[in-house]
Amino acid sequence: MAGIMLRSTAFTDHDLLPGRFAKDGDNMSPPLQWSDVPDSTEELVLLVEDPDAGKEPFLHWLVTGISPEAGEVPEGGVPPGGREWPNSFGETGWSGPLPPRGEEAHRYFFRLYALNRPLDLSGAPQAADVHRALKGREIASGTTVGTYFR
């Protein structure tokens, strides 16, 4: 499978996310840039999840319908053409990290998927629902990881 180059100017891969992106900070979504999206892409999907939050990954941001021509999202913005969905906090859009105080750093996986046909979701999907829906549609992906602790 092809690889999308996904990065941020606010943090490097597997590095600490600045506090302004945390839920108890400014709760701003970080800026992201990407490249190497396949020409056959119909839709991009952005999924941000914390696999260290418990039995199920904690969904921090889900955006579907992103234009394949888009190459970035600014800090605090929504990707062009994107539809934001409810996250695990029950809020629509970005809700930043808020791990329990004193725990080791949690990892926040920022994943961008290129799809060959639009994603079919309804209601308030959780991370596992999104992963199931991606099967058979994903033609490329890119990942960058931020960490955070309190």
Protein backbone atom coordinates (compact mmCIF):
# COMPACT_ATOMS: atom_id res chain seq x y z
CA MET A 1 0.00 0.00 0.00
CA ALA A 2 1.18 3.50 -0.82
CA GLY A 3 2.31 5.87 1.91
CA ILE A 4 1.15 9.40 2.59
CA MET A 5 3.69 11.72 4.20
CA LEU A 6 1.91 13.24 7.24
CA ARG A 7 3.63 15.76 9.51
CA SER A 8 3.10 18.79 11.73
CA THR A 9 5.10 21.97 12.23
CA ALA A 10 4.05 21.94 15.92
CA PHE A 11 5.63 18.62 16.93
CA THR A 12 7.82 15.90 15.47
CA ASP A 13 6.85 12.24 15.20
CA HIS A 14 6.75 10.56 18.65
CA ASP A 15 7.49 13.88 20.37
CA LEU A 16 5.55 15.75 23.06
CA LEU A 17 2.50 17.73 21.92
CA PRO A 18 2.61 21.35 23.11
CA GLY A 19 0.12 22.10 25.90
CA ARG A 20 -1.95 24.48 23.77
CA PHE A 21 -3.36 21.43 21.94
CA ALA A 22 -4.52 19.73 25.17
CA LYS A 23 -8.13 19.84 26.32
CA ASP A 24 -7.07 21.69 29.48
CA GLY A 25 -4.92 24.06 27.40
CA ASP A 26 -6.25 26.07 24.44
CA ASN A 27 -7.79 22.89 23.00
CA MET A 28 -6.64 23.80 19.49
CA SER A 29 -6.12 21.16 16.83
CA PRO A 30 -2.50 21.07 15.65
CA PRO A 31 -1.51 22.12 12.13
CA LEU A 32 -0.99 19.19 9.77
CA GLN A 33 0.51 18.93 6.30
CA TRP A 34 0.49 15.96 3.93
CA SER A 35 1.73 14.91 0.52
CA ASP A 36 1.91 11.85 -1.76
CA VAL A 37 -1.87 11.35 -1.95
CA PRO A 38 -2.64 8.91 -4.81
CA ASP A 39 -4.34 10.39 -7.89
CA SER A 40 -7.20 7.87 -7.60
CA THR A 41 -8.22 9.16 -4.15
CA GLU A 42 -11.93 9.99 -3.81
CA GLU A 43 -11.85 11.12 -0.19
CA LEU A 44 -9.42 11.66 2.69
CA VAL A 45 -10.27 10.74 6.28
CA LEU A 46 -8.45 12.02 9.36
CA LEU A 47 -8.60 9.95 12.54
CA VAL A 48 -6.88 10.89 15.81
CA GLU A 49 -7.01 8.34 18.60
CA ASP A 50 -5.35 7.46 21.91
CA PRO A 51 -4.81 3.69 22.21
CA ASP A 52 -3.48 4.09 25.78
CA ALA A 53 -6.74 5.35 27.28
CA GLY A 54 -8.28 1.97 28.16
CA LYS A 55 -9.71 -1.13 26.54
CA GLU A 56 -10.92 0.79 23.48
CA PRO A 57 -9.01 3.57 21.71
CA PHE A 58 -10.22 7.05 22.69
CA LEU A 59 -11.34 9.06 19.65
CA HIS A 60 -10.12 12.68 19.73
CA TRP A 61 -10.94 13.79 16.19
CA LEU A 62 -12.66 12.29 13.17
CA VAL A 63 -12.98 14.21 9.91
CA THR A 64 -14.39 12.61 6.75
CA GLY A 65 -14.99 13.99 3.26
CA ILE A 66 -11.67 15.85 3.09
CA SER A 67 -10.84 17.00 -0.42
CA PRO A 68 -8.09 14.90 -2.06
CA GLU A 69 -6.59 18.18 -3.35
CA ALA A 70 -6.14 19.50 0.20
CA GLY A 71 -2.60 19.34 1.49
CA GLU A 72 -2.91 20.80 4.95
CA VAL A 73 -5.08 22.02 7.79
CA PRO A 74 -4.04 25.08 9.82
CA GLU A 75 -3.89 25.12 13.60
CA GLY A 76 -7.44 25.22 14.95
CA GLY A 77 -8.89 24.61 11.48
CA VAL A 78 -10.95 21.97 9.71
CA PRO A 79 -9.53 20.25 6.62
CA PRO A 80 -11.05 21.56 3.35
CA GLY A 81 -14.36 19.85 2.57
CA GLY A 82 -14.22 17.96 5.86
CA ARG A 83 -17.11 16.92 8.08
CA GLU A 84 -16.28 16.67 11.77
CA TRP A 85 -17.90 13.92 13.85
CA PRO A 86 -18.49 13.48 17.59
CA ASN A 87 -15.45 12.34 19.55
CA SER A 88 -15.24 10.19 22.68
CA PHE A 89 -15.83 13.27 24.85
CA GLY A 90 -19.23 13.60 23.12
CA GLU A 91 -18.15 16.83 21.42
CA THR A 92 -18.05 17.44 17.68
CA GLY A 93 -14.62 18.29 16.30
CA TRP A 94 -11.21 18.29 17.97
CA SER A 95 -10.91 17.61 21.69
CA GLY A 96 -7.31 17.43 22.76
CA PRO A 97 -5.42 15.14 25.10
CA LEU A 98 -6.53 14.90 28.73
CA PRO A 99 -4.90 11.79 30.20
CA PRO A 100 -5.18 11.19 33.95
CA ARG A 101 -2.59 13.07 35.98
CA GLY A 102 0.43 11.02 36.94
CA GLU A 103 0.12 8.40 34.19
CA GLU A 104 2.91 7.77 31.73
CA ALA A 105 2.63 9.71 28.49
CA HIS A 106 -0.21 8.64 26.23
CA ARG A 107 0.30 8.31 22.48
CA TYR A 108 -1.93 10.20 20.03
CA PHE A 109 -2.00 8.65 16.57
CA PHE A 110 -2.83 11.11 13.78
CA ARG A 111 -3.81 8.99 10.76
CA LEU A 112 -4.75 10.22 7.31
CA TYR A 113 -6.37 7.71 4.96
CA ALA A 114 -6.85 7.99 1.19
CA LEU A 115 -9.97 6.13 0.10
CA ASN A 116 -11.12 4.82 -3.28
CA ARG A 117 -14.76 5.56 -2.36
CA PRO A 118 -16.39 7.67 0.37
CA LEU A 119 -16.68 6.32 3.88
CA ASP A 120 -20.12 5.21 5.04
CA LEU A 121 -20.67 6.19 8.69
CA SER A 122 -23.67 7.21 10.77
CA GLY A 123 -24.47 8.29 14.30
CA ALA A 124 -21.51 8.72 16.62
CA PRO A 125 -18.93 6.19 15.41
CA GLN A 126 -16.10 5.11 17.68
CA ALA A 127 -12.55 4.42 16.50
CA ALA A 128 -13.26 0.70 16.01
CA ASP A 129 -16.29 1.54 13.80
CA VAL A 130 -14.11 3.74 11.62
CA HIS A 131 -11.44 1.05 11.26
CA ARG A 132 -14.12 -1.46 10.19
CA ALA A 133 -15.58 0.99 7.67
CA LEU A 134 -12.13 1.64 6.16
CA LYS A 135 -11.64 -2.01 5.15
CA GLY A 136 -11.66 -2.40 1.39
CA ARG A 137 -11.59 1.37 0.76
CA GLU A 138 -8.09 2.36 1.92
CA ILE A 139 -5.53 2.87 -0.85
CA ALA A 140 -2.90 4.81 1.12
CA SER A 141 -2.30 6.14 4.61
CA GLY A 142 0.09 8.18 6.68
CA THR A 143 0.65 8.39 10.41
CA THR A 144 2.39 10.70 12.84
CA VAL A 145 2.31 10.29 16.61
CA GLY A 146 2.36 12.86 19.37
CA THR A 147 2.66 12.13 23.08
CA TYR A 148 1.22 13.93 26.09
CA PHE A 149 1.13 13.59 29.87
CA ARG A 150 -0.08 15.71 32.78
